[in-house]
């Protein structure tokens, strides 16, 4: 017969060791440097052997992607990919394949830049990826291949934030916002793409960047109020944005977003398995103490509420009557960030949307019923909309499948991009 006492003792000491390790890890993560390494995972590369200056190794045609650098307002060098739509590439294949491969010394002298900037019908998706790796990691190349088919003549530019891939610097909330502003400033001021031909797309961490950057241009005053205390975003750019008025883009598409980082970490499981702060749920004081020590809070909820107010004000006649689409897409089977985070974002936006401005009438569509009650979390796959003036919309789409990373390469995301561009042409 098996002696139970040794088994229980072993189980006890195993659990005690796991608890001690968890406690030590939490204490260590209160150090800002370690915390940011864990959050951004910018040194984690699943395909470290890949050379991002050879995009063909990720399945793209020779010359379809042009890598180049831009400089952020604080001097950091940021690595960027310009991805050409395949149909446009096919028409210019011979000249593109003869171009010098690798990092472009001057992007403005490349064929891809010329194709983007000289065609008045060209569209641009500005993509902000999630944490870890670089522009070519994981499902990201599949994402680019999927969304460039969303609308004719659609180009993509995607960036590695500071500290990621070949970009210089160290990631912080303020720094990533600065990087996002730099990329959109390049699109507006160097490529001269008008905002109504630009869609901002973010996934996971990239949704927080996309929300902050969209607000920076739509509502500079609100963006300044919600900026991180260590913000490095150029003051001159804020002044330019204020002078130009509210800059509203054709659309903002957020895939697998979260409300705030502290809120997310209270339920987050790394890889869908290892909990971060949820084991402390029975000890709210301790959970609050660790939440209060999160240095980069990424308050997307407050930023999106400010964004829809800014869009609402822009529809009252003082600025423009441009349509704007804010679309949130999330999968029920997302093991990393629960789709309830998107539901909470949509609920906050619904409450904040100005009734007299851009968003007033609530239109709800659901797989279960057309006339559903106001938002109730946890109802599973469905579609809900806030319908506003001049065709502006806020749209929540909860999908049954897609996971956390694969979803960006799925058709509903490409359709969200297409919807935003199509509204501008209506």
Protein backbone atom coordinates (compact mmCIF):
# COMPACT_ATOMS: atom_id res chain seq x y z
CA UNK A 1 0.00 0.00 0.00
CA UNK A 2 1.30 3.49 -0.92
CA UNK A 3 2.32 5.64 2.03
CA UNK A 4 0.29 8.83 1.74
CA UNK A 5 2.23 11.00 4.19
CA UNK A 6 5.33 11.39 1.93
CA UNK A 7 3.08 12.26 -1.04
CA UNK A 8 1.28 14.94 0.95
CA UNK A 9 4.57 16.34 2.23
CA UNK A 10 5.94 16.51 -1.31
CA UNK A 11 2.77 18.19 -2.56
CA UNK A 12 2.90 20.66 0.34
CA UNK A 13 6.51 21.67 -0.31
CA UNK A 14 5.87 21.85 -4.07
CA UNK A 15 2.97 24.25 -3.53
CA UNK A 16 4.99 26.23 -0.99
CA UNK A 17 7.89 26.56 -3.43
CA UNK A 18 5.51 27.65 -6.22
CA UNK A 19 3.93 30.23 -3.90
CA UNK A 20 7.34 31.55 -2.85
CA UNK A 21 8.47 31.80 -6.47
CA UNK A 22 5.26 33.65 -7.40
CA UNK A 23 5.71 36.10 -4.51
CA UNK A 24 9.36 36.76 -5.39
CA UNK A 25 8.45 37.25 -9.06
CA UNK A 26 5.75 39.80 -8.15
CA UNK A 27 8.13 41.72 -5.88
CA UNK A 28 10.81 41.70 -8.60
CA UNK A 29 8.30 43.02 -11.15
CA UNK A 30 7.70 46.14 -9.08
CA UNK A 31 11.07 47.32 -10.44
CA UNK A 32 10.19 49.49 -13.50
CA UNK A 33 12.94 48.06 -15.73
CA UNK A 34 12.02 44.41 -15.10
CA UNK A 35 8.33 45.25 -15.32
CA UNK A 36 8.74 46.81 -18.76
CA UNK A 37 10.82 43.88 -20.00
CA UNK A 38 8.00 41.55 -18.94
CA UNK A 39 5.25 43.75 -20.38
CA UNK A 40 6.75 44.58 -23.76
CA UNK A 41 8.79 41.36 -24.19
CA UNK A 42 10.74 43.29 -26.81
CA UNK A 43 13.72 40.99 -26.54
CA UNK A 44 11.63 37.86 -27.12
CA UNK A 45 12.01 36.64 -30.72
CA UNK A 46 10.44 33.38 -31.88
CA UNK A 47 12.22 33.76 -35.24
CA UNK A 48 15.53 35.27 -34.16
CA UNK A 49 17.28 33.74 -37.19
CA UNK A 50 15.22 35.84 -39.62
CA UNK A 51 16.66 38.95 -41.22
CA UNK A 52 13.90 41.57 -41.37
CA UNK A 53 15.85 43.35 -44.10
CA UNK A 54 15.07 40.32 -46.31
CA UNK A 55 11.25 40.30 -46.35
CA UNK A 56 11.25 37.51 -48.94
CA UNK A 57 12.13 35.15 -46.07
CA UNK A 58 8.64 35.87 -44.69
CA UNK A 59 6.94 34.89 -47.94
CA UNK A 60 6.75 38.24 -49.72
CA UNK A 61 7.72 38.86 -53.33
CA UNK A 62 11.11 40.38 -54.02
CA UNK A 63 10.77 44.14 -53.71
CA UNK A 64 7.21 44.02 -52.36
CA UNK A 65 8.39 45.38 -49.02
CA UNK A 66 10.72 48.35 -48.59
CA UNK A 67 12.36 48.60 -45.14
CA UNK A 68 13.33 52.10 -44.03
CA UNK A 69 14.00 54.18 -40.92
CA UNK A 70 12.34 57.27 -39.52
CA UNK A 71 13.43 59.41 -36.58
CA UNK A 72 11.16 60.07 -33.60
CA UNK A 73 10.91 63.54 -32.08
CA UNK A 74 13.29 62.53 -29.28
CA UNK A 75 15.92 61.20 -31.69
CA UNK A 76 15.23 57.44 -31.55
CA UNK A 77 15.62 55.55 -34.83
CA UNK A 78 12.52 53.54 -35.73
CA UNK A 79 12.43 50.64 -38.18
CA UNK A 80 9.50 50.56 -40.65
CA UNK A 81 8.19 48.28 -43.40
CA UNK A 82 6.27 49.65 -46.39
CA UNK A 83 4.20 46.79 -47.86
CA UNK A 84 2.85 47.13 -51.41
CA UNK A 85 -0.51 45.63 -52.43
CA UNK A 86 0.08 42.57 -54.60
CA UNK A 87 -1.98 43.85 -57.54
CA UNK A 88 0.09 47.03 -57.70
CA UNK A 89 3.29 45.05 -57.27
CA UNK A 90 2.37 42.82 -60.22
CA UNK A 91 2.01 45.86 -62.49
CA UNK A 92 5.47 47.12 -61.48
CA UNK A 93 7.25 43.85 -60.79
CA UNK A 94 10.14 44.31 -63.21
CA UNK A 95 11.21 47.71 -61.88
CA UNK A 96 10.66 46.68 -58.25
CA UNK A 97 12.83 43.56 -58.52
CA UNK A 98 15.66 45.66 -59.95
CA UNK A 99 15.65 47.96 -56.93
CA UNK A 100 18.53 47.66 -54.45
CA UNK A 101 17.44 45.18 -51.75
CA UNK A 102 17.57 45.82 -48.01
CA UNK A 103 17.15 48.98 -45.97
CA UNK A 104 16.38 52.04 -48.12
CA UNK A 105 18.75 54.96 -47.57
CA UNK A 106 16.04 57.41 -48.66
CA UNK A 107 12.49 56.09 -48.77
CA UNK A 108 11.33 59.08 -50.82
CA UNK A 109 13.53 57.93 -53.73
CA UNK A 110 12.01 54.43 -53.91
CA UNK A 111 9.49 53.13 -56.42
CA UNK A 112 7.12 52.07 -53.63
CA UNK A 113 7.03 55.59 -52.20
CA UNK A 114 6.30 56.97 -55.65
CA UNK A 115 3.44 54.50 -56.13
CA UNK A 116 1.98 55.47 -52.76
CA UNK A 117 2.25 59.22 -53.10
CA UNK A 118 1.46 59.91 -56.76
CA UNK A 119 -1.82 57.98 -56.99
CA UNK A 120 -4.74 60.03 -55.60
CA UNK A 121 -6.67 56.79 -55.06
CA UNK A 122 -4.05 55.08 -52.89
CA UNK A 123 -5.04 54.15 -49.34
CA UNK A 124 -2.78 53.60 -46.33
CA UNK A 125 -3.12 51.30 -43.33
CA UNK A 126 -0.88 52.26 -40.42
CA UNK A 127 -0.33 49.10 -38.40
CA UNK A 128 0.71 48.83 -34.74
CA UNK A 129 1.56 45.27 -33.69
CA UNK A 130 1.40 43.65 -30.26
CA UNK A 131 4.18 43.00 -27.78
CA UNK A 132 7.26 40.83 -28.39
CA UNK A 133 9.38 40.29 -31.47
CA UNK A 134 9.44 42.44 -34.56
CA UNK A 135 7.42 43.38 -37.66
CA UNK A 136 7.91 39.94 -39.23
CA UNK A 137 7.21 37.72 -36.24
CA UNK A 138 4.42 35.16 -35.88
CA UNK A 139 1.13 35.91 -37.62
CA UNK A 140 2.14 39.45 -38.57
CA UNK A 141 3.16 38.68 -42.19
CA UNK A 142 -0.14 36.84 -42.67
CA UNK A 143 -1.91 39.92 -41.35
CA UNK A 144 -0.27 42.15 -43.96
CA UNK A 145 -1.11 39.72 -46.75
CA UNK A 146 -4.73 39.60 -45.62
CA UNK A 147 -5.47 43.28 -45.11
CA UNK A 148 -3.79 44.61 -48.27
CA UNK A 149 -6.58 42.87 -50.18
CA UNK A 150 -9.24 44.72 -48.16
CA UNK A 151 -9.54 47.65 -50.56
CA UNK A 152 -7.99 48.52 -53.93
CA UNK A 153 -4.60 50.26 -53.90
CA UNK A 154 -4.14 49.76 -50.15
CA UNK A 155 -0.60 50.08 -48.80
CA UNK A 156 0.62 49.22 -45.29
CA UNK A 157 3.28 50.80 -43.15
CA UNK A 158 4.13 48.99 -39.93
CA UNK A 159 6.64 49.93 -37.28
CA UNK A 160 8.88 48.34 -34.70
CA UNK A 161 8.56 50.45 -31.59
CA UNK A 162 11.67 51.65 -29.78
CA UNK A 163 13.59 48.70 -28.36
CA UNK A 164 11.84 46.23 -30.69
CA UNK A 165 13.64 44.59 -33.61
CA UNK A 166 16.13 46.98 -35.20
CA UNK A 167 14.73 50.14 -33.59
CA UNK A 168 16.84 51.95 -31.02
CA UNK A 169 15.86 52.85 -27.47
CA UNK A 170 13.88 51.27 -24.64
CA UNK A 171 10.08 50.90 -24.62
CA UNK A 172 7.86 52.95 -22.31
CA UNK A 173 4.25 54.08 -22.65
CA UNK A 174 5.31 57.63 -23.47
CA UNK A 175 7.96 56.38 -25.87
CA UNK A 176 5.61 54.11 -27.85
CA UNK A 177 3.09 56.95 -28.19
CA UNK A 178 5.91 59.16 -29.48
CA UNK A 179 6.79 56.44 -32.01
CA UNK A 180 3.19 56.15 -33.19
CA UNK A 181 2.89 59.91 -33.58
CA UNK A 182 6.17 59.93 -35.56
CA UNK A 183 4.87 57.30 -37.98
CA UNK A 184 1.57 59.09 -38.63
CA UNK A 185 3.37 62.43 -38.91
CA UNK A 186 5.56 60.82 -41.60
CA UNK A 187 2.42 59.65 -43.46
CA UNK A 188 0.82 63.10 -43.26
CA UNK A 189 3.81 65.38 -43.77
CA UNK A 190 6.27 63.34 -45.85
CA UNK A 191 4.03 61.02 -47.86
CA UNK A 192 1.25 63.67 -47.86
CA UNK A 193 -1.54 61.14 -47.51
CA UNK A 194 -4.73 62.93 -46.38
CA UNK A 195 -6.29 61.57 -43.16
CA UNK A 196 -9.47 60.43 -44.92
CA UNK A 197 -7.32 57.90 -46.81
CA UNK A 198 -5.68 56.50 -43.65
CA UNK A 199 -6.90 53.69 -41.37
CA UNK A 200 -5.09 53.02 -38.08
CA UNK A 201 -4.99 49.33 -37.14
CA UNK A 202 -3.79 47.97 -33.80
CA UNK A 203 -3.68 44.53 -32.23
CA UNK A 204 -3.26 43.74 -28.51
CA UNK A 205 -0.63 46.19 -27.18
CA UNK A 206 -0.92 47.95 -30.55
CA UNK A 207 -4.55 48.86 -29.74
CA UNK A 208 -3.32 50.95 -26.81
CA UNK A 209 -0.80 52.70 -29.09
CA UNK A 210 -3.41 53.21 -31.82
CA UNK A 211 -5.94 54.69 -29.37
CA UNK A 212 -3.42 57.10 -27.88
CA UNK A 213 -2.20 58.23 -31.30
CA UNK A 214 -5.71 58.63 -32.74
CA UNK A 215 -6.60 60.84 -29.76
CA UNK A 216 -3.37 62.82 -30.16
CA UNK A 217 -4.55 64.00 -33.58
CA UNK A 218 -8.32 64.11 -32.96
CA UNK A 219 -8.21 65.86 -29.58
CA UNK A 220 -4.77 67.29 -28.77
CA UNK A 221 -5.94 68.95 -25.54
CA UNK A 222 -7.46 65.72 -24.19
CA UNK A 223 -4.40 63.75 -25.30
CA UNK A 224 -2.17 66.09 -23.31
CA UNK A 225 -4.34 65.61 -20.22
CA UNK A 226 -4.14 61.81 -20.55
CA UNK A 227 -0.45 61.70 -21.51
CA UNK A 228 1.92 59.69 -19.29
CA UNK A 229 3.85 61.82 -16.83
CA UNK A 230 7.13 61.00 -18.57
CA UNK A 231 5.74 61.88 -22.02
CA UNK A 232 8.33 62.73 -24.67
CA UNK A 233 5.90 63.51 -27.51
CA UNK A 234 7.04 66.67 -29.27
CA UNK A 235 5.31 69.82 -28.05
CA UNK A 236 5.71 71.33 -31.49
CA UNK A 237 3.63 68.55 -33.00
CA UNK A 238 0.87 69.21 -30.48
CA UNK A 239 0.89 72.87 -31.46
CA UNK A 240 0.69 71.93 -35.15
CA UNK A 241 -2.24 69.60 -34.46
CA UNK A 242 -4.02 72.31 -32.50
CA UNK A 243 -3.43 74.83 -35.27
CA UNK A 244 -4.84 72.49 -37.89
CA UNK A 245 -7.81 71.58 -35.74
CA UNK A 246 -9.01 68.07 -35.11
CA UNK A 247 -7.47 65.53 -37.49
CA UNK A 248 -9.86 62.60 -37.93
CA UNK A 249 -8.77 59.50 -39.84
CA UNK A 250 -11.00 57.30 -41.98
CA UNK A 251 -11.03 54.64 -39.31
CA UNK A 252 -9.46 53.13 -36.22
CA UNK A 253 -9.62 49.32 -36.00
CA UNK A 254 -8.74 47.74 -32.65
CA UNK A 255 -8.26 43.97 -32.48
CA UNK A 256 -8.18 42.33 -29.02
CA UNK A 257 -7.91 45.55 -27.00
CA UNK A 258 -8.01 46.07 -23.22
CA UNK A 259 -9.41 48.82 -20.98
CA UNK A 260 -6.34 49.58 -18.87
CA UNK A 261 -3.25 47.54 -18.09
CA UNK A 262 -4.02 47.23 -14.33
CA UNK A 263 -7.54 46.03 -15.15
CA UNK A 264 -6.18 43.53 -17.66
CA UNK A 265 -3.52 42.11 -15.33
CA UNK A 266 -6.12 41.35 -12.66
CA UNK A 267 -7.44 38.60 -14.95
CA UNK A 268 -4.58 38.07 -17.42
CA UNK A 269 -2.90 34.69 -17.87
CA UNK A 270 0.41 34.49 -19.70
CA UNK A 271 -0.13 32.20 -22.68
CA UNK A 272 -3.61 31.60 -21.31
CA UNK A 273 -2.10 29.50 -18.49
CA UNK A 274 0.00 31.40 -15.94
CA UNK A 275 -1.92 34.02 -13.93
CA UNK A 276 -0.42 37.41 -13.09
CA UNK A 277 -2.53 39.09 -10.39
CA UNK A 278 -5.64 36.89 -10.28
CA UNK A 279 -4.24 34.65 -7.46
CA UNK A 280 -4.42 37.76 -5.26
CA UNK A 281 -8.14 38.20 -5.86
CA UNK A 282 -8.86 36.94 -2.35
CA UNK A 283 -6.52 39.63 -1.02
CA UNK A 284 -7.79 42.87 -2.58
CA UNK A 285 -5.41 45.06 -0.60
CA UNK A 286 -2.37 43.19 -1.96
CA UNK A 287 -3.82 43.11 -5.47
CA UNK A 288 -4.36 46.87 -5.30
CA UNK A 289 -0.83 47.46 -4.00
CA UNK A 290 0.70 45.66 -6.96
CA UNK A 291 -1.72 47.28 -9.44
CA UNK A 292 -0.73 50.70 -8.13
CA UNK A 293 2.91 49.92 -8.93
CA UNK A 294 2.31 49.37 -12.64
CA UNK A 295 4.35 52.14 -14.27
CA UNK A 296 2.74 52.11 -17.76
CA UNK A 297 -1.02 52.00 -17.22
CA UNK A 298 -2.20 52.40 -20.85
CA UNK A 299 -5.65 53.84 -20.08
CA UNK A 300 -7.28 53.01 -23.42
CA UNK A 301 -10.78 53.34 -21.98
CA UNK A 302 -10.31 57.00 -21.07
CA UNK A 303 -8.57 57.74 -24.37
CA UNK A 304 -11.30 56.17 -26.50
CA UNK A 305 -14.01 58.03 -24.57
CA UNK A 306 -12.11 61.28 -25.23
CA UNK A 307 -11.67 60.25 -28.87
CA UNK A 308 -15.39 59.73 -29.57
CA UNK A 309 -16.13 63.07 -27.90
CA UNK A 310 -13.55 64.73 -30.17
CA UNK A 311 -15.08 63.04 -33.24
CA UNK A 312 -18.53 64.11 -32.04
CA UNK A 313 -17.43 67.72 -31.77
CA UNK A 314 -15.90 67.55 -35.26
CA UNK A 315 -19.35 66.65 -36.62
CA UNK A 316 -21.07 69.74 -35.23
CA UNK A 317 -19.92 71.95 -38.07
CA UNK A 318 -16.83 73.68 -36.68
CA UNK A 319 -14.23 71.39 -38.24
CA UNK A 320 -15.45 68.90 -40.81
CA UNK A 321 -18.15 66.40 -41.54
CA UNK A 322 -15.80 63.53 -42.25
CA UNK A 323 -17.06 60.06 -41.44
CA UNK A 324 -15.05 58.16 -38.86
CA UNK A 325 -15.26 54.47 -37.99
CA UNK A 326 -14.04 53.14 -34.65
CA UNK A 327 -14.27 49.36 -34.81
CA UNK A 328 -13.46 46.88 -32.04
CA UNK A 329 -12.98 43.22 -32.97
CA UNK A 330 -12.38 40.44 -30.44
CA UNK A 331 -12.70 36.64 -30.33
CA UNK A 332 -14.49 34.65 -27.65
CA UNK A 333 -11.68 32.07 -27.75
CA UNK A 334 -8.95 34.65 -27.02
CA UNK A 335 -6.95 32.95 -24.24
CA UNK A 336 -4.73 35.98 -23.58
CA UNK A 337 -7.11 38.95 -23.32
CA UNK A 338 -10.73 38.18 -22.51
CA UNK A 339 -13.32 39.56 -24.91
CA UNK A 340 -15.00 41.04 -21.83
CA UNK A 341 -12.31 43.75 -22.02
CA UNK A 342 -13.73 44.83 -25.39
CA UNK A 343 -17.26 44.73 -23.99
CA UNK A 344 -16.19 47.02 -21.14
CA UNK A 345 -14.55 49.40 -23.62
CA UNK A 346 -17.70 49.55 -25.72
CA UNK A 347 -19.84 50.13 -22.62
CA UNK A 348 -17.61 53.04 -21.56
CA UNK A 349 -17.71 54.53 -25.06
CA UNK A 350 -21.50 54.15 -25.21
CA UNK A 351 -21.84 56.12 -21.98
CA UNK A 352 -19.37 58.82 -23.10
CA UNK A 353 -20.56 59.29 -26.71
CA UNK A 354 -22.03 62.80 -27.08
CA UNK A 355 -25.71 62.62 -27.94
CA UNK A 356 -25.67 66.03 -29.58
CA UNK A 357 -22.59 65.37 -31.73
CA UNK A 358 -21.03 62.52 -33.64
CA UNK A 359 -22.74 59.60 -31.91
CA UNK A 360 -26.33 59.52 -30.79
CA UNK A 361 -28.58 56.68 -31.87
CA UNK A 362 -27.76 53.19 -30.60
CA UNK A 363 -28.19 50.47 -33.21
CA UNK A 364 -27.80 46.93 -31.92
CA UNK A 365 -27.45 43.85 -34.08
CA UNK A 366 -27.01 40.41 -32.59
CA UNK A 367 -26.95 36.83 -33.72
CA UNK A 368 -29.62 36.17 -31.13
CA UNK A 369 -31.93 39.13 -31.75
CA UNK A 370 -32.01 42.36 -33.72
CA UNK A 371 -33.45 44.48 -30.89
CA UNK A 372 -31.25 43.51 -27.96
CA UNK A 373 -31.14 45.46 -24.69
CA UNK A 374 -28.20 47.77 -23.89
CA UNK A 375 -24.83 46.09 -23.59
CA UNK A 376 -24.68 43.07 -21.31
CA UNK A 377 -21.25 41.46 -21.02
CA UNK A 378 -20.70 37.79 -21.66
CA UNK A 379 -23.35 37.28 -24.35
CA UNK A 380 -20.88 35.74 -26.77
CA UNK A 381 -20.55 36.36 -30.54
CA UNK A 382 -22.53 39.36 -31.76
CA UNK A 383 -22.44 42.78 -33.40
CA UNK A 384 -23.37 46.09 -31.76
CA UNK A 385 -23.13 49.63 -33.10
CA UNK A 386 -23.36 53.26 -32.09
CA UNK A 387 -24.61 55.12 -35.13
CA UNK A 388 -23.72 58.80 -35.40
CA UNK A 389 -24.01 61.88 -37.58
CA UNK A 390 -22.44 62.01 -41.05
CA UNK A 391 -22.08 58.22 -41.11
CA UNK A 392 -19.67 57.99 -38.14
CA UNK A 393 -19.91 54.75 -36.21
CA UNK A 394 -18.55 52.85 -33.24
CA UNK A 395 -18.81 49.12 -33.86
CA UNK A 396 -18.22 46.16 -31.56
CA UNK A 397 -17.84 42.76 -33.24
CA UNK A 398 -17.36 39.69 -31.07
CA UNK A 399 -16.32 36.65 -33.11
CA UNK A 400 -16.62 33.03 -32.07
CA UNK A 401 -13.15 32.12 -33.34
CA UNK A 402 -9.82 33.81 -33.95
CA UNK A 403 -7.76 33.45 -30.79
CA UNK A 404 -5.49 36.32 -29.82
CA UNK A 405 -3.00 36.59 -32.70
CA UNK A 406 -4.56 34.72 -35.64
CA UNK A 407 -7.64 36.92 -35.59
CA UNK A 408 -5.83 39.85 -37.24
CA UNK A 409 -5.39 37.76 -40.39
CA UNK A 410 -9.09 36.82 -40.46
CA UNK A 411 -11.60 38.22 -42.94
CA UNK A 412 -13.61 40.28 -40.40
CA UNK A 413 -10.56 42.48 -39.73
CA UNK A 414 -9.98 43.05 -43.45
CA UNK A 415 -13.69 43.82 -43.77
CA UNK A 416 -13.44 46.34 -40.94
CA UNK A 417 -10.67 48.13 -42.84
CA UNK A 418 -12.69 47.98 -46.05
CA UNK A 419 -15.77 49.36 -44.28
CA UNK A 420 -13.83 52.40 -43.08
CA UNK A 421 -12.42 53.19 -46.52
CA UNK A 422 -15.71 52.52 -48.29
CA UNK A 423 -17.53 54.97 -46.01
CA UNK A 424 -15.24 57.77 -47.23
CA UNK A 425 -16.16 56.99 -50.84
CA UNK A 426 -19.90 56.81 -50.20
